[in-house]
Amino acid sequence: MAIARFPSLVIDCPDAGALATFYGTLLDWKVTTSPDWAEIRADYGQCICFQQVDDYTPPQWPGQTVPQQMHLDVVVDDLDVAEAAVLELGATKHEHQPGTSFRVFLDPAGHPFCLCVD
């Protein structure tokens, strides 16, 4: 028997509302914001939360001076189409691209995330 239905991921960032809007638009999930906190939720219940923190320092990937601690893999149908879309939303393509079936980007707060194809 499961104790919980869905785990939630909480991501530290300098602007909770802005980062929730970025990922909510990327995933087409509902965005809810309040001061210093925001969340996005899928129709089926999965949730990602964003916690605003003072003096936020973004991860520095691939180095480990400031480790990434976590990242999201987002599965897409077409890497080129998805890349154009996330760049338009405010992501940056990272200069280090270690694979061919995925691409590494930084969200507007500097967290690495990957667009992946199966």
N, C-alpha and C. Protein backbone atom coordinates (compact mmCIF):
# COMPACT_ATOMS: atom_id res chain seq x y z
N MET A 1 0.84 -1.19 0.00
CA MET A 1 0.00 0.00 0.00
C MET A 1 0.88 1.24 0.00
N ALA A 2 0.61 2.16 -0.91
CA ALA A 2 1.37 3.41 -0.99
C ALA A 2 0.96 4.35 0.14
N ILE A 3 1.92 5.04 0.66
CA ILE A 3 1.65 6.03 1.70
C ILE A 3 1.18 7.34 1.09
N ALA A 4 1.70 7.69 -0.08
CA ALA A 4 1.35 8.94 -0.74
C ALA A 4 0.98 8.69 -2.19
N ARG A 5 0.26 9.62 -2.77
CA ARG A 5 -0.14 9.49 -4.17
C ARG A 5 0.93 10.00 -5.12
N PHE A 6 1.41 11.22 -4.90
CA PHE A 6 2.40 11.82 -5.78
C PHE A 6 3.45 12.53 -4.93
N PRO A 7 4.71 12.38 -5.25
CA PRO A 7 5.71 13.21 -4.58
C PRO A 7 5.68 14.60 -5.20
N SER A 8 6.00 15.60 -4.42
CA SER A 8 6.16 16.95 -4.96
C SER A 8 7.64 17.32 -4.88
N LEU A 9 8.10 17.99 -5.85
CA LEU A 9 9.46 18.49 -5.89
C LEU A 9 9.39 19.97 -5.56
N VAL A 10 10.26 20.45 -4.66
CA VAL A 10 10.32 21.87 -4.33
C VAL A 10 11.67 22.40 -4.79
N ILE A 11 11.65 23.44 -5.60
CA ILE A 11 12.86 24.01 -6.18
C ILE A 11 13.09 25.41 -5.62
N ASP A 12 14.27 25.64 -5.05
CA ASP A 12 14.64 26.97 -4.59
C ASP A 12 14.93 27.86 -5.80
N CYS A 13 14.62 29.15 -5.68
CA CYS A 13 14.83 30.08 -6.79
C CYS A 13 14.73 31.52 -6.30
N PRO A 14 15.17 32.48 -7.12
CA PRO A 14 15.09 33.87 -6.70
C PRO A 14 13.71 34.50 -6.89
N ASP A 15 12.88 33.95 -7.79
CA ASP A 15 11.55 34.49 -8.07
C ASP A 15 10.60 33.32 -8.33
N ALA A 16 9.85 32.94 -7.30
CA ALA A 16 9.00 31.75 -7.38
C ALA A 16 7.95 31.87 -8.48
N GLY A 17 7.30 33.01 -8.59
CA GLY A 17 6.25 33.18 -9.60
C GLY A 17 6.79 33.10 -11.02
N ALA A 18 7.94 33.71 -11.25
CA ALA A 18 8.52 33.69 -12.60
C ALA A 18 8.93 32.29 -13.00
N LEU A 19 9.55 31.55 -12.08
CA LEU A 19 10.00 30.20 -12.44
C LEU A 19 8.80 29.25 -12.60
N ALA A 20 7.77 29.42 -11.78
CA ALA A 20 6.56 28.61 -11.95
C ALA A 20 5.90 28.89 -13.29
N THR A 21 5.88 30.13 -13.70
CA THR A 21 5.30 30.49 -14.99
C THR A 21 6.10 29.86 -16.13
N PHE A 22 7.43 29.86 -16.02
CA PHE A 22 8.28 29.23 -17.03
C PHE A 22 7.93 27.75 -17.17
N TYR A 23 7.97 27.00 -16.05
CA TYR A 23 7.71 25.56 -16.13
C TYR A 23 6.23 25.25 -16.37
N GLY A 24 5.33 26.05 -15.86
CA GLY A 24 3.92 25.85 -16.12
C GLY A 24 3.60 25.97 -17.60
N THR A 25 4.20 26.96 -18.26
CA THR A 25 4.02 27.13 -19.70
C THR A 25 4.67 25.99 -20.47
N LEU A 26 5.89 25.61 -20.06
CA LEU A 26 6.61 24.52 -20.72
C LEU A 26 5.81 23.22 -20.68
N LEU A 27 5.22 22.91 -19.52
CA LEU A 27 4.52 21.64 -19.34
C LEU A 27 3.00 21.73 -19.55
N ASP A 28 2.49 22.94 -19.76
CA ASP A 28 1.05 23.18 -19.87
C ASP A 28 0.31 22.73 -18.60
N TRP A 29 0.86 23.14 -17.44
CA TRP A 29 0.27 22.84 -16.15
C TRP A 29 -0.26 24.13 -15.54
N LYS A 30 -1.25 24.01 -14.67
CA LYS A 30 -1.85 25.16 -13.99
C LYS A 30 -0.84 25.78 -13.02
N VAL A 31 -0.73 27.11 -13.05
CA VAL A 31 0.18 27.85 -12.18
C VAL A 31 -0.61 28.55 -11.07
N THR A 32 -0.14 28.38 -9.83
CA THR A 32 -0.72 29.09 -8.68
C THR A 32 0.42 29.77 -7.94
N THR A 33 0.25 31.06 -7.68
CA THR A 33 1.32 31.80 -7.01
C THR A 33 0.82 32.51 -5.76
N SER A 34 1.72 32.71 -4.84
CA SER A 34 1.50 33.54 -3.65
C SER A 34 2.86 34.15 -3.33
N PRO A 35 2.93 35.09 -2.40
CA PRO A 35 4.24 35.68 -2.11
C PRO A 35 5.25 34.61 -1.68
N ASP A 36 6.40 34.59 -2.32
CA ASP A 36 7.52 33.70 -1.98
C ASP A 36 7.28 32.23 -2.26
N TRP A 37 6.17 31.85 -2.88
CA TRP A 37 5.86 30.45 -3.14
C TRP A 37 4.99 30.36 -4.38
N ALA A 38 5.19 29.34 -5.18
CA ALA A 38 4.34 29.09 -6.34
C ALA A 38 4.37 27.60 -6.62
N GLU A 39 3.36 27.13 -7.35
CA GLU A 39 3.36 25.72 -7.74
C GLU A 39 2.70 25.58 -9.09
N ILE A 40 3.07 24.49 -9.74
CA ILE A 40 2.40 24.10 -10.98
C ILE A 40 1.85 22.70 -10.76
N ARG A 41 0.69 22.45 -11.35
CA ARG A 41 0.03 21.16 -11.12
C ARG A 41 -0.56 20.64 -12.42
N ALA A 42 -0.28 19.37 -12.67
CA ALA A 42 -0.85 18.68 -13.83
C ALA A 42 -2.30 18.31 -13.55
N ASP A 43 -3.05 18.07 -14.59
CA ASP A 43 -4.45 17.66 -14.43
C ASP A 43 -4.57 16.38 -13.61
N TYR A 44 -3.59 15.50 -13.69
CA TYR A 44 -3.64 14.23 -12.97
C TYR A 44 -3.09 14.35 -11.54
N GLY A 45 -2.65 15.55 -11.13
CA GLY A 45 -2.28 15.76 -9.74
C GLY A 45 -0.81 16.02 -9.45
N GLN A 46 0.11 15.62 -10.32
CA GLN A 46 1.53 15.83 -10.07
C GLN A 46 1.81 17.32 -9.87
N CYS A 47 2.70 17.64 -8.92
CA CYS A 47 2.95 19.03 -8.57
C CYS A 47 4.45 19.30 -8.45
N ILE A 48 4.87 20.47 -8.91
CA ILE A 48 6.21 20.98 -8.68
C ILE A 48 6.05 22.34 -8.02
N CYS A 49 6.78 22.55 -6.92
CA CYS A 49 6.67 23.79 -6.17
C CYS A 49 7.95 24.60 -6.30
N PHE A 50 7.82 25.90 -6.12
CA PHE A 50 8.94 26.82 -6.25
C PHE A 50 8.97 27.71 -5.01
N GLN A 51 10.10 27.69 -4.33
CA GLN A 51 10.27 28.41 -3.07
C GLN A 51 11.27 29.54 -3.28
N GLN A 52 10.83 30.76 -3.04
CA GLN A 52 11.70 31.91 -3.20
C GLN A 52 12.66 31.99 -2.02
N VAL A 53 13.95 32.15 -2.31
CA VAL A 53 14.96 32.24 -1.25
C VAL A 53 15.82 33.48 -1.45
N ASP A 54 16.19 34.11 -0.35
CA ASP A 54 17.10 35.25 -0.41
C ASP A 54 18.49 34.76 -0.75
N ASP A 55 19.25 35.58 -1.42
CA ASP A 55 20.64 35.28 -1.76
C ASP A 55 20.80 33.96 -2.51
N TYR A 56 19.86 33.66 -3.40
CA TYR A 56 19.91 32.45 -4.20
C TYR A 56 21.18 32.43 -5.06
N THR A 57 21.85 31.30 -5.10
CA THR A 57 23.00 31.09 -5.96
C THR A 57 22.68 29.95 -6.92
N PRO A 58 22.66 30.21 -8.24
CA PRO A 58 22.32 29.14 -9.17
C PRO A 58 23.40 28.07 -9.23
N PRO A 59 23.02 26.82 -9.55
CA PRO A 59 24.00 25.77 -9.73
C PRO A 59 24.94 26.11 -10.88
N GLN A 60 26.13 25.55 -10.84
CA GLN A 60 27.09 25.77 -11.91
C GLN A 60 27.46 24.42 -12.51
N TRP A 61 26.70 24.03 -13.52
CA TRP A 61 26.85 22.74 -14.16
C TRP A 61 27.73 22.91 -15.39
N PRO A 62 28.60 22.00 -15.75
CA PRO A 62 28.80 20.67 -15.17
C PRO A 62 29.77 20.65 -13.99
N GLY A 63 30.35 21.78 -13.62
CA GLY A 63 31.24 21.80 -12.47
C GLY A 63 30.50 21.55 -11.17
N GLN A 64 31.21 21.33 -10.11
CA GLN A 64 30.58 21.02 -8.83
C GLN A 64 30.87 22.06 -7.75
N THR A 65 31.37 23.25 -8.15
CA THR A 65 31.60 24.30 -7.18
C THR A 65 30.28 24.65 -6.47
N VAL A 66 29.23 24.81 -7.25
CA VAL A 66 27.86 24.95 -6.73
C VAL A 66 27.07 23.85 -7.42
N PRO A 67 26.90 22.67 -6.77
CA PRO A 67 26.30 21.51 -7.45
C PRO A 67 24.83 21.74 -7.81
N GLN A 68 24.41 21.03 -8.86
CA GLN A 68 23.03 21.17 -9.31
C GLN A 68 22.02 20.56 -8.34
N GLN A 69 22.37 19.56 -7.59
CA GLN A 69 21.54 18.90 -6.58
C GLN A 69 20.32 18.20 -7.15
N MET A 70 19.78 18.66 -8.24
CA MET A 70 18.66 18.00 -8.92
C MET A 70 18.53 18.63 -10.28
N HIS A 71 17.84 17.93 -11.19
CA HIS A 71 17.44 18.54 -12.45
C HIS A 71 16.23 17.80 -12.98
N LEU A 72 15.50 18.44 -13.87
CA LEU A 72 14.33 17.84 -14.48
C LEU A 72 14.68 17.35 -15.87
N ASP A 73 14.18 16.17 -16.24
CA ASP A 73 14.23 15.67 -17.60
C ASP A 73 12.82 15.78 -18.16
N VAL A 74 12.67 16.49 -19.25
CA VAL A 74 11.36 16.69 -19.88
C VAL A 74 11.37 15.95 -21.21
N VAL A 75 10.51 14.95 -21.34
CA VAL A 75 10.45 14.14 -22.56
C VAL A 75 9.63 14.90 -23.61
N VAL A 76 10.20 15.01 -24.82
CA VAL A 76 9.55 15.74 -25.91
C VAL A 76 9.54 14.87 -27.17
N ASP A 77 8.70 15.23 -28.12
CA ASP A 77 8.63 14.48 -29.38
C ASP A 77 9.71 14.90 -30.37
N ASP A 78 10.05 16.20 -30.35
CA ASP A 78 10.99 16.74 -31.34
C ASP A 78 11.92 17.72 -30.63
N LEU A 79 13.21 17.39 -30.58
CA LEU A 79 14.17 18.23 -29.87
C LEU A 79 14.27 19.64 -30.46
N ASP A 80 14.26 19.75 -31.77
CA ASP A 80 14.39 21.07 -32.40
C ASP A 80 13.20 21.98 -32.08
N VAL A 81 12.01 21.43 -32.18
CA VAL A 81 10.80 22.21 -31.89
C VAL A 81 10.78 22.60 -30.41
N ALA A 82 11.09 21.65 -29.53
CA ALA A 82 11.09 21.92 -28.10
C ALA A 82 12.17 22.93 -27.73
N GLU A 83 13.34 22.84 -28.36
CA GLU A 83 14.40 23.80 -28.09
C GLU A 83 13.95 25.21 -28.41
N ALA A 84 13.36 25.41 -29.56
CA ALA A 84 12.88 26.74 -29.94
C ALA A 84 11.87 27.26 -28.92
N ALA A 85 11.00 26.38 -28.46
CA ALA A 85 9.96 26.79 -27.51
C ALA A 85 10.56 27.19 -26.16
N VAL A 86 11.50 26.41 -25.63
CA VAL A 86 12.05 26.75 -24.30
C VAL A 86 12.93 28.00 -24.38
N LEU A 87 13.61 28.20 -25.50
CA LEU A 87 14.40 29.42 -25.66
C LEU A 87 13.49 30.65 -25.68
N GLU A 88 12.34 30.51 -26.33
CA GLU A 88 11.37 31.61 -26.37
C GLU A 88 10.80 31.89 -24.97
N LEU A 89 10.69 30.85 -24.15
CA LEU A 89 10.19 31.03 -22.78
C LEU A 89 11.22 31.67 -21.85
N GLY A 90 12.48 31.69 -22.25
CA GLY A 90 13.50 32.31 -21.41
C GLY A 90 14.62 31.39 -20.97
N ALA A 91 14.63 30.16 -21.43
CA ALA A 91 15.73 29.24 -21.11
C ALA A 91 16.97 29.62 -21.91
N THR A 92 18.11 29.11 -21.48
CA THR A 92 19.36 29.28 -22.21
C THR A 92 19.93 27.90 -22.50
N LYS A 93 20.41 27.70 -23.71
CA LYS A 93 21.04 26.42 -24.05
C LYS A 93 22.45 26.43 -23.46
N HIS A 94 22.77 25.37 -22.71
CA HIS A 94 24.09 25.29 -22.10
C HIS A 94 25.13 24.96 -23.16
N GLU A 95 26.33 25.49 -23.00
CA GLU A 95 27.40 25.22 -23.98
C GLU A 95 27.86 23.77 -23.95
N HIS A 96 27.75 23.11 -22.80
CA HIS A 96 28.18 21.71 -22.66
C HIS A 96 27.00 20.80 -23.00
N GLN A 97 27.11 20.05 -24.10
CA GLN A 97 26.06 19.14 -24.56
C GLN A 97 26.66 17.73 -24.67
N PRO A 98 26.56 16.92 -23.60
CA PRO A 98 27.27 15.64 -23.58
C PRO A 98 26.58 14.48 -24.28
N GLY A 99 25.39 14.66 -24.85
CA GLY A 99 24.70 13.54 -25.47
C GLY A 99 24.04 13.93 -26.78
N THR A 100 23.40 12.96 -27.43
CA THR A 100 22.71 13.22 -28.68
C THR A 100 21.20 13.03 -28.58
N SER A 101 20.73 12.31 -27.57
CA SER A 101 19.30 12.08 -27.42
C SER A 101 18.67 13.05 -26.41
N PHE A 102 19.45 14.02 -25.96
CA PHE A 102 18.94 15.03 -25.03
C PHE A 102 19.75 16.31 -25.21
N ARG A 103 19.16 17.41 -24.76
CA ARG A 103 19.85 18.71 -24.79
C ARG A 103 19.72 19.36 -23.41
N VAL A 104 20.78 20.00 -22.99
CA VAL A 104 20.82 20.61 -21.66
C VAL A 104 20.57 22.11 -21.77
N PHE A 105 19.68 22.60 -20.93
CA PHE A 105 19.33 24.02 -20.88
C PHE A 105 19.40 24.49 -19.43
N LEU A 106 19.39 25.79 -19.25
CA LEU A 106 19.28 26.39 -17.93
C LEU A 106 17.96 27.15 -17.90
N ASP A 107 17.17 26.93 -16.83
CA ASP A 107 15.93 27.68 -16.69
C ASP A 107 16.28 29.13 -16.32
N PRO A 108 15.29 30.02 -16.24
CA PRO A 108 15.60 31.42 -15.95
C PRO A 108 16.31 31.66 -14.61
N ALA A 109 16.26 30.70 -13.68
CA ALA A 109 16.96 30.84 -12.40
C ALA A 109 18.31 30.12 -12.41
N GLY A 110 18.68 29.51 -13.55
CA GLY A 110 19.98 28.85 -13.66
C GLY A 110 20.01 27.37 -13.37
N HIS A 111 18.85 26.74 -13.08
CA HIS A 111 18.81 25.29 -12.85
C HIS A 111 18.95 24.56 -14.18
N PRO A 112 19.83 23.56 -14.26
CA PRO A 112 19.89 22.75 -15.47
C PRO A 112 18.62 21.89 -15.62
N PHE A 113 18.17 21.74 -16.84
CA PHE A 113 17.12 20.76 -17.15
C PHE A 113 17.40 20.24 -18.54
N CYS A 114 16.88 19.06 -18.84
CA CYS A 114 17.13 18.44 -20.14
C CYS A 114 15.84 18.23 -20.91
N LEU A 115 15.90 18.46 -22.19
CA LEU A 115 14.85 18.01 -23.10
C LEU A 115 15.36 16.68 -23.66
N CYS A 116 14.53 15.65 -23.59
CA CYS A 116 14.96 14.29 -23.95
C CYS A 116 13.96 13.67 -24.92
N VAL A 117 14.49 12.85 -25.81
CA VAL A 117 13.64 11.99 -26.65
C VAL A 117 13.91 10.56 -26.24
N ASP A 118 12.89 9.72 -26.40
CA ASP A 118 13.06 8.30 -26.03
C ASP A 118 13.99 7.61 -26.97
